Amino acid sequence: MDTSASDLYIAKMDKSYRVVLPVALLQQVSWISGEDPILAWLLVGNSGRCKLLSAAEVESDGSARSLRARIHDELHTRSESILEFHDEESLALSLRLVQVRIAPPEPGRRITLPKLLVSLMQLRPGESEVALWFVHEHVELWTIEALRSAIARPLMAI
């Protein structure tokens, strides 16, 4: 299926850090179903864009397993000296793969974004909107600023 603007949805984040996932978007994602809450993962590509992954995808994908192993190793590696600091990018890897909960219907499936991720994405609960997009078989969540930046270059320059 081709990605188009019709696959793009704008949703407001409420004051409790929740975003309601549009029904039309959910119809494209087979693993988000049933009446029970679902644990899933947000893979953070950058501070303005992340991808929603199922728990099964994270367990079965070699790259995701490798990332989880790197995160585990980095968080459990001890320095030889208290004066030594780990490099920032490696230490921040744990912020790149974040577990989230997708709540069941009533009034609609909702994903609660972690407060730390909301801060890093510079979103304001109760005020900010996010773009939800079905891209390459996954739901992606973009900040409006990331979306604006993606179309900032004139079309003829692409």
Protein backbone atom coordinates (compact mmCIF):
# COMPACT_ATOMS: atom_id res chain seq x y z
CA MET A 1 0.00 0.00 0.00
CA ASP A 2 1.33 3.43 -0.91
CA THR A 3 1.68 6.03 1.78
CA SER A 4 -0.27 9.19 1.13
CA ALA A 5 -1.58 12.21 2.95
CA SER A 6 -4.82 10.26 3.45
CA ASP A 7 -2.84 7.92 5.75
CA LEU A 8 -1.79 10.90 7.87
CA TYR A 9 -3.84 11.79 10.95
CA ILE A 10 -3.45 14.66 13.38
CA ALA A 11 -4.31 13.91 17.00
CA LYS A 12 -4.16 16.05 20.11
CA MET A 13 -2.29 14.80 23.16
CA ASP A 14 -4.43 15.20 26.27
CA LYS A 15 -3.23 16.44 29.64
CA SER A 16 -2.60 12.83 30.75
CA TYR A 17 -0.07 12.26 27.91
CA ARG A 18 -2.54 10.11 25.97
CA VAL A 19 -3.14 10.14 22.23
CA VAL A 20 -6.24 8.50 20.77
CA LEU A 21 -5.33 6.34 17.78
CA PRO A 22 -7.78 6.90 14.90
CA VAL A 23 -9.91 3.88 13.97
CA ALA A 24 -8.99 4.24 10.28
CA LEU A 25 -5.32 4.02 11.21
CA LEU A 26 -5.86 1.01 13.48
CA GLN A 27 -7.61 -0.85 10.67
CA GLN A 28 -4.23 -0.97 8.91
CA VAL A 29 -2.43 -2.53 11.90
CA SER A 30 -3.48 -6.13 12.55
CA TRP A 31 -1.64 -6.63 15.85
CA ILE A 32 -3.54 -3.85 17.65
CA SER A 33 -6.77 -5.70 18.38
CA GLY A 34 -8.75 -7.36 21.13
CA GLU A 35 -10.19 -6.05 24.35
CA ASP A 36 -7.06 -6.14 26.52
CA PRO A 37 -4.31 -3.55 26.90
CA ILE A 38 -1.29 -4.19 24.67
CA LEU A 39 2.34 -3.60 25.53
CA ALA A 40 4.26 -2.21 22.57
CA TRP A 41 7.47 -0.29 21.88
CA LEU A 42 8.28 3.13 20.52
CA LEU A 43 11.51 3.16 18.52
CA VAL A 44 12.77 6.75 18.58
CA GLY A 45 14.43 7.70 15.30
CA ASN A 46 15.06 11.29 16.38
CA SER A 47 13.50 13.83 18.72
CA GLY A 48 10.63 14.41 16.33
CA ARG A 49 9.81 10.97 14.99
CA CYS A 50 9.23 7.48 16.36
CA LYS A 51 7.85 4.17 15.15
CA LEU A 52 5.35 1.97 16.98
CA LEU A 53 6.43 -1.68 17.12
CA SER A 54 4.69 -4.75 18.45
CA ALA A 55 6.35 -6.76 21.22
CA ALA A 56 6.63 -9.68 18.79
CA GLU A 57 8.52 -7.52 16.27
CA VAL A 58 11.01 -6.38 18.88
CA GLU A 59 11.56 -9.98 19.99
CA SER A 60 11.90 -11.42 16.49
CA ASP A 61 13.87 -8.70 14.68
CA GLY A 62 17.63 -9.13 14.87
CA SER A 63 18.32 -5.39 14.76
CA ALA A 64 15.87 -4.70 17.59
CA ARG A 65 17.34 -7.53 19.68
CA SER A 66 20.82 -6.12 19.05
CA LEU A 67 19.68 -2.65 20.12
CA ARG A 68 18.14 -4.06 23.31
CA ALA A 69 21.39 -5.91 24.06
CA ARG A 70 23.42 -2.71 23.51
CA ILE A 71 21.06 -0.80 25.82
CA HIS A 72 21.36 -3.49 28.48
CA ASP A 73 25.16 -3.61 28.20
CA GLU A 74 25.49 0.17 28.38
CA LEU A 75 23.25 0.47 31.42
CA HIS A 76 25.08 -2.33 33.24
CA THR A 77 28.69 -1.45 32.40
CA ARG A 78 30.61 -0.10 35.34
CA SER A 79 33.28 2.55 34.96
CA GLU A 80 36.73 1.87 36.34
CA SER A 81 36.86 5.35 37.83
CA ILE A 82 34.24 7.73 39.15
CA LEU A 83 35.94 10.37 37.02
CA GLU A 84 35.08 8.49 33.83
CA PHE A 85 31.89 9.31 31.94
CA HIS A 86 30.17 7.13 29.35
CA ASP A 87 29.66 8.82 26.00
CA GLU A 88 26.30 10.55 25.77
CA GLU A 89 24.98 8.84 22.63
CA SER A 90 25.58 5.33 24.00
CA LEU A 91 24.10 6.15 27.37
CA ALA A 92 21.03 7.75 25.77
CA LEU A 93 20.35 4.56 23.77
CA SER A 94 17.88 3.55 26.47
CA LEU A 95 15.74 6.50 25.37
CA ARG A 96 15.58 5.12 21.82
CA LEU A 97 13.45 2.06 22.63
CA VAL A 98 10.67 2.77 25.10
CA GLN A 99 7.89 0.42 26.17
CA VAL A 100 4.37 1.87 25.98
CA ARG A 101 0.87 0.66 26.75
CA ILE A 102 -1.96 0.81 24.28
CA ALA A 103 -5.23 0.90 26.19
CA PRO A 104 -8.35 -0.85 24.84
CA PRO A 105 -11.42 0.86 23.40
CA GLU A 106 -13.66 3.27 25.31
CA PRO A 107 -13.60 5.87 23.84
CA GLY A 108 -10.88 4.57 21.51
CA ARG A 109 -7.51 2.89 21.66
CA ARG A 110 -5.11 5.22 23.41
CA ILE A 111 -1.36 5.24 23.66
CA THR A 112 0.15 6.90 26.69
CA LEU A 113 3.45 8.57 25.90
CA PRO A 114 6.17 8.49 28.57
CA LYS A 115 6.68 11.91 30.20
CA LEU A 116 10.40 11.86 29.41
CA LEU A 117 9.73 11.24 25.72
CA VAL A 118 7.10 14.01 25.69
CA SER A 119 9.70 16.38 27.11
CA LEU A 120 12.37 15.34 24.61
CA MET A 121 9.91 15.79 21.75
CA GLN A 122 9.00 19.23 23.17
CA LEU A 123 5.31 18.38 23.31
CA ARG A 124 2.94 20.15 25.68
CA PRO A 125 0.23 17.95 27.23
CA GLY A 126 -3.23 19.30 26.56
CA GLU A 127 -1.92 21.61 23.83
CA SER A 128 0.30 19.79 21.35
CA GLU A 129 -0.81 17.79 18.39
CA VAL A 130 1.08 14.90 16.83
CA ALA A 131 0.97 13.41 13.37
CA LEU A 132 0.20 9.70 13.14
CA TRP A 133 1.15 8.12 9.86
CA PHE A 134 1.01 4.59 8.50
CA VAL A 135 4.41 4.29 6.78
CA HIS A 136 6.06 1.10 5.49
CA GLU A 137 3.74 -1.19 7.48
CA HIS A 138 4.18 0.72 10.76
CA VAL A 139 2.50 3.53 12.63
CA GLU A 140 4.86 6.47 13.00
CA LEU A 141 4.35 9.32 15.41
CA TRP A 142 5.81 12.67 14.35
CA THR A 143 5.84 16.02 16.06
CA ILE A 144 4.20 18.75 14.00
CA GLU A 145 7.58 20.51 13.94
CA ALA A 146 9.25 17.42 12.40
CA LEU A 147 6.50 17.25 9.79
CA ARG A 148 6.87 20.96 9.06
CA SER A 149 10.63 20.58 8.77
CA ALA A 150 10.24 17.64 6.36
CA ILE A 151 8.36 19.82 3.91
CA ALA A 152 10.34 23.02 4.50
CA ARG A 153 12.65 22.56 1.50
CA PRO A 154 11.14 23.77 -1.75
CA LEU A 155 9.87 20.91 -3.88
CA MET A 156 12.22 21.82 -6.75
CA ALA A 157 15.22 21.39 -4.39
CA ILE A 158 14.40 17.74 -3.72
